[in-house]
Protein backbone atom coordinates (compact mmCIF):
# COMPACT_ATOMS: atom_id res chain seq x y z
CA UNK A 1 0.00 -0.02 -0.02
CA UNK A 2 2.70 2.39 0.97
CA UNK A 3 4.77 1.45 -2.09
CA UNK A 4 1.66 2.28 -4.29
CA UNK A 5 1.38 5.70 -2.68
CA UNK A 6 5.02 6.54 -3.20
CA UNK A 7 4.84 5.23 -6.84
CA UNK A 8 1.72 7.31 -7.45
CA UNK A 9 3.32 10.45 -5.95
CA UNK A 10 6.36 10.13 -8.07
CA UNK A 11 4.07 9.70 -11.19
CA UNK A 12 2.30 12.92 -10.35
CA UNK A 13 5.35 14.81 -9.70
CA UNK A 14 6.97 13.79 -13.01
CA UNK A 15 3.66 14.40 -14.85
CA UNK A 16 3.64 18.06 -13.48
CA UNK A 17 7.30 18.59 -14.36
CA UNK A 18 6.77 17.38 -18.02
CA UNK A 19 3.67 19.32 -18.48
CA UNK A 20 5.42 22.47 -17.22
CA UNK A 21 8.39 21.84 -19.60
CA UNK A 22 5.74 22.19 -22.30
CA UNK A 23 3.47 24.93 -21.13
CA UNK A 24 6.30 27.15 -19.66
CA UNK A 25 9.17 26.61 -21.98
CA UNK A 26 12.77 27.45 -20.98
CA UNK A 27 16.41 26.60 -21.85
CA UNK A 28 18.69 24.75 -19.31
CA UNK A 29 21.87 26.65 -18.72
CA UNK A 30 23.87 23.39 -19.32
CA UNK A 31 22.00 22.78 -22.48
CA UNK A 32 21.27 26.13 -24.09
CA UNK A 33 21.14 24.78 -27.66
CA UNK A 34 17.46 23.88 -27.31
CA UNK A 35 14.51 24.71 -24.98
CA UNK A 36 12.27 22.21 -23.30
CA UNK A 37 9.66 22.40 -26.00
CA UNK A 38 12.17 21.46 -28.66
CA UNK A 39 13.47 18.51 -26.62
CA UNK A 40 9.89 17.16 -26.20
CA UNK A 41 9.38 17.57 -29.99
CA UNK A 42 12.65 15.67 -30.54
CA UNK A 43 11.40 12.81 -28.40
CA UNK A 44 8.25 12.60 -30.41
CA UNK A 45 10.48 12.21 -33.59
CA UNK A 46 12.27 9.37 -32.04
CA UNK A 47 8.99 7.77 -31.00
CA UNK A 48 7.97 8.03 -34.61
CA UNK A 49 11.02 6.43 -35.85
CA UNK A 50 10.50 3.53 -33.38
CA UNK A 51 6.93 2.95 -34.61
CA UNK A 52 8.18 2.96 -38.19
CA UNK A 53 10.98 0.47 -37.29
CA UNK A 54 8.15 -1.89 -35.89
CA UNK A 55 6.48 -1.72 -39.21
CA UNK A 56 3.40 0.18 -37.94
CA UNK A 57 1.52 2.16 -40.62
CA UNK A 58 1.46 5.83 -39.66
CA UNK A 59 -0.99 8.30 -41.08
CA UNK A 60 -1.22 12.01 -40.78
CA UNK A 61 -4.58 13.34 -39.48
CA UNK A 62 -6.47 15.58 -41.85
CA UNK A 63 -6.53 18.35 -39.31
CA UNK A 64 -2.78 18.43 -39.22
CA UNK A 65 -2.52 18.68 -42.98
CA UNK A 66 -4.89 21.79 -42.92
CA UNK A 67 -2.92 23.27 -39.97
CA UNK A 68 0.20 22.84 -42.08
CA UNK A 69 -1.54 24.61 -45.02
CA UNK A 70 -2.74 27.57 -42.82
CA UNK A 71 0.58 27.89 -41.09
CA UNK A 72 2.49 27.63 -44.45
CA UNK A 73 0.34 30.60 -45.60
CA UNK A 74 1.51 32.52 -42.50
CA UNK A 75 5.18 31.69 -43.26
CA UNK A 76 4.91 32.50 -47.02
CA UNK A 77 3.22 35.92 -46.19
CA UNK A 78 6.17 36.74 -43.79
CA UNK A 79 8.68 35.53 -46.27
CA UNK A 80 7.38 37.71 -49.07
CA UNK A 81 7.27 40.62 -46.64
CA UNK A 82 10.86 40.26 -45.63
CA UNK A 83 12.12 39.85 -49.19
CA UNK A 84 10.14 42.68 -50.52
CA UNK A 85 11.27 44.91 -47.71
CA UNK A 86 14.81 43.50 -47.82
CA UNK A 87 14.99 42.90 -44.06
CA UNK A 88 16.61 40.24 -41.86
CA UNK A 89 13.78 39.67 -39.40
CA UNK A 90 12.55 36.10 -40.07
CA UNK A 91 10.58 35.58 -36.85
CA UNK A 92 7.37 34.24 -38.30
CA UNK A 93 8.88 32.92 -41.55
CA UNK A 94 9.40 29.61 -39.73
CA UNK A 95 5.95 29.53 -38.20
CA UNK A 96 5.01 26.28 -40.07
CA UNK A 97 7.92 24.63 -38.32
CA UNK A 98 6.95 26.00 -35.07
CA UNK A 99 3.42 24.60 -35.55
CA UNK A 100 4.82 21.27 -36.09
CA UNK A 101 7.23 21.49 -33.11
CA UNK A 102 4.25 22.39 -30.80
CA UNK A 103 2.15 19.55 -32.05
CA UNK A 104 5.05 16.99 -31.64
CA UNK A 105 5.80 18.30 -28.24
CA UNK A 106 2.28 18.17 -27.18
CA UNK A 107 2.04 14.50 -28.36
CA UNK A 108 5.06 13.63 -26.30
CA UNK A 109 3.51 15.18 -23.19
CA UNK A 110 0.28 13.24 -23.68
CA UNK A 111 2.05 9.97 -24.26
CA UNK A 112 4.20 10.55 -21.09
CA UNK A 113 1.07 11.39 -19.08
CA UNK A 114 -0.59 8.21 -20.35
CA UNK A 115 2.41 6.09 -19.35
CA UNK A 116 2.51 7.71 -15.90
CA UNK A 117 -1.23 7.79 -15.12
CA UNK A 118 -2.76 5.00 -17.23
CA UNK A 119 -5.47 6.13 -19.65
CA UNK A 120 -5.34 9.91 -20.13
CA UNK A 121 -8.62 11.73 -20.04
CA UNK A 122 -9.71 15.38 -20.80
CA UNK A 123 -10.05 15.93 -17.05
CA UNK A 124 -6.55 14.54 -16.32
CA UNK A 125 -4.97 16.74 -18.77
CA UNK A 126 -6.90 19.82 -17.53
CA UNK A 127 -6.03 19.10 -13.90
CA UNK A 128 -2.25 18.93 -14.74
CA UNK A 129 -2.42 22.26 -16.58
CA UNK A 130 -4.08 23.69 -13.47
CA UNK A 131 -1.54 22.27 -11.09
CA UNK A 132 1.23 23.52 -13.23
CA UNK A 133 0.06 27.05 -13.10
CA UNK A 134 -0.47 26.94 -9.28
CA UNK A 135 2.90 25.39 -8.84
CA UNK A 136 4.51 28.16 -10.96
CA UNK A 137 2.78 30.86 -8.83
CA UNK A 138 4.18 29.15 -5.64
CA UNK A 139 7.66 29.03 -7.23
CA UNK A 140 7.54 32.70 -8.10
CA UNK A 141 6.82 33.52 -4.50
CA UNK A 142 9.63 31.26 -3.41
CA UNK A 143 12.08 32.95 -5.85
CA UNK A 144 11.12 36.38 -4.52
CA UNK A 145 11.46 35.50 -0.92
CA UNK A 146 14.19 32.84 -0.61
CA UNK A 147 17.63 33.93 -2.01
CA UNK A 148 18.95 30.38 -2.00
CA UNK A 149 16.13 29.23 -4.07
CA UNK A 150 16.52 32.17 -6.45
CA UNK A 151 20.16 31.09 -6.83
CA UNK A 152 19.18 27.66 -7.70
CA UNK A 153 16.67 28.76 -10.40
CA UNK A 154 19.21 31.17 -11.82
CA UNK A 155 21.62 28.19 -12.03
CA UNK A 156 19.16 26.23 -14.04
CA UNK A 157 18.27 28.86 -16.62
CA UNK A 158 20.66 31.09 -18.65
CA UNK A 159 19.22 34.45 -17.71
CA UNK A 160 15.86 33.53 -19.31
CA UNK A 161 13.46 36.37 -19.38
CA UNK A 162 16.17 38.63 -17.88
CA UNK A 163 15.89 37.38 -14.44
CA UNK A 164 18.47 39.91 -13.12
CA UNK A 165 16.41 42.82 -14.59
CA UNK A 166 13.22 42.48 -12.60
CA UNK A 167 13.63 45.76 -10.98
CA UNK A 168 9.95 46.71 -11.22
CA UNK A 169 9.01 44.13 -8.52
CA UNK A 170 7.45 41.66 -11.07
CA UNK A 171 7.50 38.03 -9.97
CA UNK A 172 8.70 35.25 -12.26
CA UNK A 173 8.68 31.48 -12.17
CA UNK A 174 10.74 28.87 -14.05
CA UNK A 175 10.10 29.82 -17.76
CA UNK A 176 7.09 31.79 -16.55
CA UNK A 177 7.19 35.51 -16.83
CA UNK A 178 5.79 38.56 -18.57
CA UNK A 179 2.76 38.44 -20.91
CA UNK A 180 3.71 34.89 -22.14
CA UNK A 181 2.77 33.68 -18.72
CA UNK A 182 -0.23 36.10 -18.51
CA UNK A 183 -1.99 34.56 -21.57
CA UNK A 184 -1.32 31.02 -20.63
CA UNK A 185 -2.65 31.73 -17.11
CA UNK A 186 -5.69 33.29 -18.79
CA UNK A 187 -6.33 30.20 -20.83
CA UNK A 188 -6.18 28.03 -17.61
CA UNK A 189 -8.50 30.28 -15.81
CA UNK A 190 -11.30 29.65 -18.43
CA UNK A 191 -10.32 25.95 -18.19
CA UNK A 192 -10.96 26.07 -14.47
CA UNK A 193 -14.37 27.43 -14.98
CA UNK A 194 -15.09 24.48 -17.33
CA UNK A 195 -13.91 22.04 -14.74
CA UNK A 196 -16.27 23.47 -12.17
CA UNK A 197 -19.12 23.52 -14.56
CA UNK A 198 -18.59 19.76 -15.05
CA UNK A 199 -18.72 19.07 -11.46
CA UNK A 200 -22.07 20.70 -11.00
CA UNK A 201 -23.51 18.77 -13.96
CA UNK A 202 -22.89 15.49 -12.07
CA UNK A 203 -25.46 13.88 -9.84
CA UNK A 204 -23.01 13.73 -6.96
CA UNK A 205 -20.88 16.93 -6.72
CA UNK A 206 -17.44 16.57 -5.32
CA UNK A 207 -17.42 19.77 -3.11
CA UNK A 208 -13.79 19.40 -2.05
CA UNK A 209 -12.82 19.30 -5.70
CA UNK A 210 -15.02 22.37 -6.47
CA UNK A 211 -13.40 24.32 -3.49
CA UNK A 212 -10.00 23.26 -4.87
CA UNK A 213 -10.62 24.61 -8.35
CA UNK A 214 -11.92 27.89 -6.92
CA UNK A 215 -8.84 28.16 -4.73
CA UNK A 216 -6.61 27.47 -7.70
CA UNK A 217 -8.46 30.14 -9.63
CA UNK A 218 -7.85 32.71 -6.94
CA UNK A 219 -4.16 31.80 -6.50
CA UNK A 220 -3.62 32.25 -10.32
CA UNK A 221 -5.61 35.49 -10.38
CA UNK A 222 -3.71 37.10 -7.46
CA UNK A 223 -0.15 35.72 -8.00
CA UNK A 224 -0.59 35.47 -11.65
CA UNK A 225 -1.22 39.26 -11.88
CA UNK A 226 2.00 39.81 -9.75
CA UNK A 227 3.77 37.94 -12.63
CA UNK A 228 1.88 39.45 -15.46
CA UNK A 229 -0.99 41.82 -15.41
CA UNK A 230 -2.29 40.21 -18.60
CA UNK A 231 -3.80 37.65 -16.25
CA UNK A 232 -6.63 40.16 -15.45
CA UNK A 233 -7.80 39.74 -19.02
CA UNK A 234 -8.17 36.03 -18.49
CA UNK A 235 -9.95 36.44 -15.15
CA UNK A 236 -12.52 38.71 -16.75
CA UNK A 237 -13.14 36.36 -19.72
CA UNK A 238 -13.36 33.37 -17.44
CA UNK A 239 -16.06 35.14 -15.39
CA UNK A 240 -17.87 36.11 -18.55
CA UNK A 241 -17.65 32.47 -19.51
CA UNK A 242 -19.10 31.60 -16.16
CA UNK A 243 -21.97 34.10 -16.63
CA UNK A 244 -22.86 32.86 -20.14
CA UNK A 245 -22.85 29.29 -19.10
CA UNK A 246 -24.96 30.02 -16.12
CA UNK A 247 -27.57 31.88 -18.30
CA UNK A 248 -27.70 29.70 -21.29
CA UNK A 249 -26.97 26.21 -19.85
CA UNK A 250 -29.81 24.95 -17.68
CA UNK A 251 -27.45 22.34 -16.23
CA UNK A 252 -24.92 24.88 -15.06
CA UNK A 253 -26.39 25.49 -11.57
CA UNK A 254 -24.96 29.01 -11.57
CA UNK A 255 -26.38 29.88 -8.23
CA UNK A 256 -24.73 26.86 -6.43
CA UNK A 257 -21.36 27.69 -8.26
CA UNK A 258 -21.54 31.18 -7.00
CA UNK A 259 -22.19 30.10 -3.58
CA UNK A 260 -19.25 27.91 -3.57
CA UNK A 261 -17.08 30.79 -4.82
CA UNK A 262 -18.28 33.01 -2.05
CA UNK A 263 -17.45 30.32 0.62
CA UNK A 264 -13.90 30.31 -0.68
CA UNK A 265 -13.79 34.04 -0.75
CA UNK A 266 -14.86 34.15 2.83
CA UNK A 267 -11.75 32.29 3.79
CA UNK A 268 -9.24 33.67 1.21
CA UNK A 269 -10.15 37.54 1.62
CA UNK A 270 -9.29 37.65 5.32
CA UNK A 271 -5.99 35.93 4.69
CA UNK A 272 -5.18 38.32 1.83
CA UNK A 273 -6.13 41.41 3.85
CA UNK A 274 -3.98 40.04 6.75
CA UNK A 275 -0.95 39.68 4.39
CA UNK A 276 -1.48 43.08 2.84
CA UNK A 277 -1.47 44.79 6.23
CA UNK A 278 1.41 42.78 7.83
CA UNK A 279 3.70 41.59 4.97
CA UNK A 280 5.52 44.33 3.21
CA UNK A 281 6.65 42.04 0.25
CA UNK A 282 3.12 40.75 -0.36
CA UNK A 283 1.73 44.48 -0.17
CA UNK A 284 4.28 45.56 -2.76
CA UNK A 285 3.58 42.68 -5.07
CA UNK A 286 -0.22 43.07 -4.63
CA UNK A 287 0.04 46.83 -5.47
CA UNK A 288 2.07 46.09 -8.58
CA UNK A 289 -0.24 43.41 -9.76
CA UNK A 290 -3.48 45.21 -9.07
CA UNK A 291 -2.07 48.79 -9.66
CA UNK A 292 -5.17 49.87 -11.52
CA UNK A 293 -7.62 48.68 -8.80
CA UNK A 294 -5.40 50.10 -6.04
CA UNK A 295 -5.31 53.43 -7.84
CA UNK A 296 -9.03 53.44 -8.34
CA UNK A 297 -9.73 52.95 -4.62
CA UNK A 298 -7.14 55.36 -3.41
CA UNK A 299 -7.46 58.23 -5.91
CA UNK A 300 -10.72 57.56 -7.64
CA UNK A 301 -9.13 57.15 -11.06
CA UNK A 302 -7.81 54.08 -12.92
CA UNK A 303 -4.06 54.56 -13.39
CA UNK A 304 -1.73 51.91 -14.56
CA UNK A 305 1.75 52.80 -15.81
CA UNK A 306 1.90 50.04 -18.44
CA UNK A 307 -1.59 51.11 -19.73
CA UNK A 308 -0.28 54.75 -20.07
CA UNK A 309 2.63 53.51 -22.13
CA UNK A 310 0.32 51.28 -24.11
CA UNK A 311 -1.82 54.16 -25.26
CA UNK A 312 1.35 55.73 -26.80
CA UNK A 313 1.99 52.56 -28.69
CA UNK A 314 -1.08 52.84 -30.84
CA UNK A 315 0.79 54.22 -33.84
CA UNK A 316 -0.92 53.28 -37.12
CA UNK A 317 0.88 52.77 -40.46
CA UNK A 318 0.87 55.87 -42.47
CA UNK A 319 1.44 54.36 -45.96
CA UNK A 320 -0.84 51.93 -47.88
CA UNK A 321 2.29 49.87 -48.66
CA UNK A 322 2.74 49.13 -44.93
CA UNK A 323 -0.86 48.07 -44.57
CA UNK A 324 -0.55 45.68 -47.51
CA UNK A 325 2.94 44.22 -47.24
CA UNK A 326 4.39 45.50 -43.95
CA UNK A 327 7.82 46.89 -43.32
CA UNK A 328 9.45 43.52 -42.65
CA UNK A 329 10.13 44.18 -38.84
CA UNK A 330 8.35 42.59 -35.84
CA UNK A 331 11.36 42.91 -33.56
CA UNK A 332 13.40 45.93 -33.08
CA UNK A 333 15.09 47.24 -36.22
CA UNK A 334 18.03 48.65 -34.13
CA UNK A 335 20.27 45.61 -34.85
CA UNK A 336 19.82 45.82 -38.53
CA UNK A 337 22.94 47.63 -39.96
CA UNK A 338 20.99 48.42 -43.14
CA UNK A 339 18.08 50.10 -41.30
CA UNK A 340 17.91 53.89 -41.67
CA UNK A 341 14.56 54.60 -40.18
CA UNK A 342 13.62 56.00 -36.72
CA UNK A 343 15.02 54.03 -33.77
CA UNK A 344 12.81 53.43 -30.71
CA UNK A 345 14.86 52.51 -27.71
CA UNK A 346 14.19 49.22 -26.16
CA UNK A 347 10.65 48.70 -27.72
CA UNK A 348 9.84 46.77 -30.72
CA UNK A 349 9.68 48.13 -34.28
CA UNK A 350 7.86 51.53 -34.32
CA UNK A 351 7.78 51.52 -30.50
CA UNK A 352 4.76 49.45 -30.28
CA UNK A 353 4.05 46.16 -28.36
CA UNK A 354 0.45 46.06 -29.51
CA UNK A 355 -0.14 42.62 -31.21
CA UNK A 356 -2.30 43.75 -34.14
CA UNK A 357 -0.02 46.66 -34.97
CA UNK A 358 3.15 44.53 -34.80
CA UNK A 359 1.71 42.02 -37.16
CA UNK A 360 0.63 44.73 -39.60
CA UNK A 361 4.04 46.50 -39.52
CA UNK A 362 5.68 43.06 -39.97
CA UNK A 363 3.86 41.74 -43.08
CA UNK A 364 0.68 43.73 -43.47
CA UNK A 365 -2.88 42.85 -43.17
CA UNK A 366 -2.42 39.53 -45.15
CA UNK A 367 -0.26 38.26 -42.31
CA UNK A 368 -2.72 39.37 -39.53
CA UNK A 369 -5.76 37.85 -41.40
CA UNK A 370 -3.98 34.58 -42.21
CA UNK A 371 -2.89 34.16 -38.56
CA UNK A 372 -6.41 34.91 -37.37
CA UNK A 373 -7.89 32.54 -39.97
CA UNK A 374 -5.53 29.73 -38.66
CA UNK A 375 -6.54 30.26 -35.05
CA UNK A 376 -10.25 30.23 -36.09
CA UNK A 377 -9.80 26.94 -37.98
CA UNK A 378 -7.89 25.45 -34.86
CA UNK A 379 -10.83 26.50 -32.63
CA UNK A 380 -13.29 25.01 -35.06
CA UNK A 381 -11.44 21.68 -34.91
CA UNK A 382 -11.45 21.67 -31.09
CA UNK A 383 -15.29 22.56 -31.02
CA UNK A 384 -15.95 19.62 -33.40
CA UNK A 385 -13.89 17.29 -31.22
CA UNK A 386 -15.32 18.39 -27.93
CA UNK A 387 -18.90 19.40 -28.60
CA UNK A 388 -19.72 19.84 -24.90
CA UNK A 389 -16.85 22.34 -24.61
CA UNK A 390 -17.52 24.53 -27.57
CA UNK A 391 -18.31 27.49 -25.35
CA UNK A 392 -14.99 27.17 -23.49
CA UNK A 393 -12.86 27.04 -26.74
CA UNK A 394 -14.73 30.04 -28.05
CA UNK A 395 -13.77 31.95 -24.99
CA UNK A 396 -10.26 30.80 -25.19
CA UNK A 397 -10.24 32.29 -28.70
CA UNK A 398 -11.55 35.44 -27.23
CA UNK A 399 -8.64 35.50 -24.87
CA UNK A 400 -6.33 35.64 -27.93
CA UNK A 401 -8.43 38.32 -29.66
CA UNK A 402 -8.37 40.54 -26.41
CA UNK A 403 -4.76 40.05 -25.55
CA UNK A 404 -3.64 41.12 -28.99
CA UNK A 405 -4.82 44.65 -28.24
CA UNK A 406 -1.98 44.65 -25.72
CA UNK A 407 0.80 42.28 -26.75
CA UNK A 408 1.77 39.84 -29.59
CA UNK A 409 1.41 36.32 -28.21
CA UNK A 410 0.22 33.08 -29.64
CA UNK A 411 -1.98 30.45 -27.81
CA UNK A 412 -1.81 27.74 -30.40
CA UNK A 413 0.25 25.85 -27.99
CA UNK A 414 -2.72 25.49 -25.68
CA UNK A 415 -5.03 24.28 -28.47
CA UNK A 416 -2.32 21.92 -29.69
CA UNK A 417 -2.60 19.87 -26.42
CA UNK A 418 -6.37 19.26 -26.99
CA UNK A 419 -5.91 18.56 -30.76
CA UNK A 420 -3.31 16.02 -29.90
CA UNK A 421 -5.38 14.55 -27.17
CA UNK A 422 -8.14 14.01 -29.67
CA UNK A 423 -5.90 12.07 -31.84
CA UNK A 424 -4.42 10.14 -28.90
CA UNK A 425 -7.95 9.41 -27.51
CA UNK A 426 -8.80 7.85 -31.00
CA UNK A 427 -5.60 5.80 -30.97
CA UNK A 428 -6.43 4.49 -27.41
CA UNK A 429 -9.99 3.49 -28.45
CA UNK A 430 -8.60 1.67 -31.53
CA UNK A 431 -6.04 -0.22 -29.19
CA UNK A 432 -8.80 -1.10 -26.80
CA UNK A 433 -10.97 -2.40 -29.65
CA UNK A 434 -8.10 -4.46 -31.08
CA UNK A 435 -7.43 -5.92 -27.52
CA UNK A 436 -11.12 -6.85 -27.07
CA UNK A 437 -11.04 -8.67 -30.57
CA UNK A 438 -7.89 -10.56 -29.71
CA UNK A 439 -9.43 -11.75 -26.30
CA UNK A 440 -12.61 -12.78 -28.18
CA UNK A 441 -10.69 -14.74 -30.61
CA UNK A 442 -8.88 -16.61 -27.86
């Protein structure tokens, strides 16, 4: 019995680590040639070669073929823009390769989770994503408070995300920082609402699990905002998803869900107030993460330094040529020896970090529209695979649409896990059916 508990504990820990390697990618200091995502993709290639050596027939799913076509359009659009503008910024020219790497890495993660946990389910995958985000929040707090632990983390990563430059009080985890962390936290916040909704649709509600989900939600909202204030977008969209599900889904039990949230808040709010009043570090982190809310309460006006800077970044293209083919830069042009235009300090090209504008400046409206079409198709695939969760995936897409008003990020890697899971689930069913046939023949 004790041995089973130990084995199970080790399996869970390894599952959390492998999921974090995918969801919050970073490079090891001792192996800076590739990040954890690339390594996972490499493992998938090895598994493919093993299957081929065994003589197993391997097919490519239709969805992956279409994904490739869409992502190839993205890459070609960017390639044309860089060639036409004679630039050296090839950031999205290789997007088709990036798409395949994410898919391969996702498949490796799912195969590993199945090996460690038995038959992998939608709920199992979701739970590990939630656990990873909570663990990253805890790690971020530990890094800020325990110098020895911070040194250990710095020894693991080669200055990833500029660890030595967090002078603004921002927290960071292992491969988890800035808006990249914020948008992934946002996706998981929507996922948590889905998991709570599922619990209330069951005949017997696991109240402890519901409370755990709400607690995870609050941890990610609070500490996640200390890491990246983009998390607020996810929190608002997740609550909007909760409201829509409560209104339009008769089985949602919105009233009971709200009561469960209030019970958790009755416990967590006094703890947060105590820490704010008695813990200087928590108070500083909280004021940074919720600067707008704090300003609204103290001064009556919403003031956030990053938002004030963001307003100045809405600089639209002035020529038709830029709208149609871009200028060929999505990163800063300062490092290009042939660039003769205006320099913009440490910001990206044209001094903007706004996702929509960066895409337009890079390769024009064709790039932006092809990228958007790709994500819409990915969302459509997930909706078709998981009809029960179509509303959730629509709100995940809404996260992407909203965040692009602030920063250029990509949430395909979130969708990739569930696309790969759909394929793996089909393979599992086929294996189970084959096993049943073999047993009947015997």
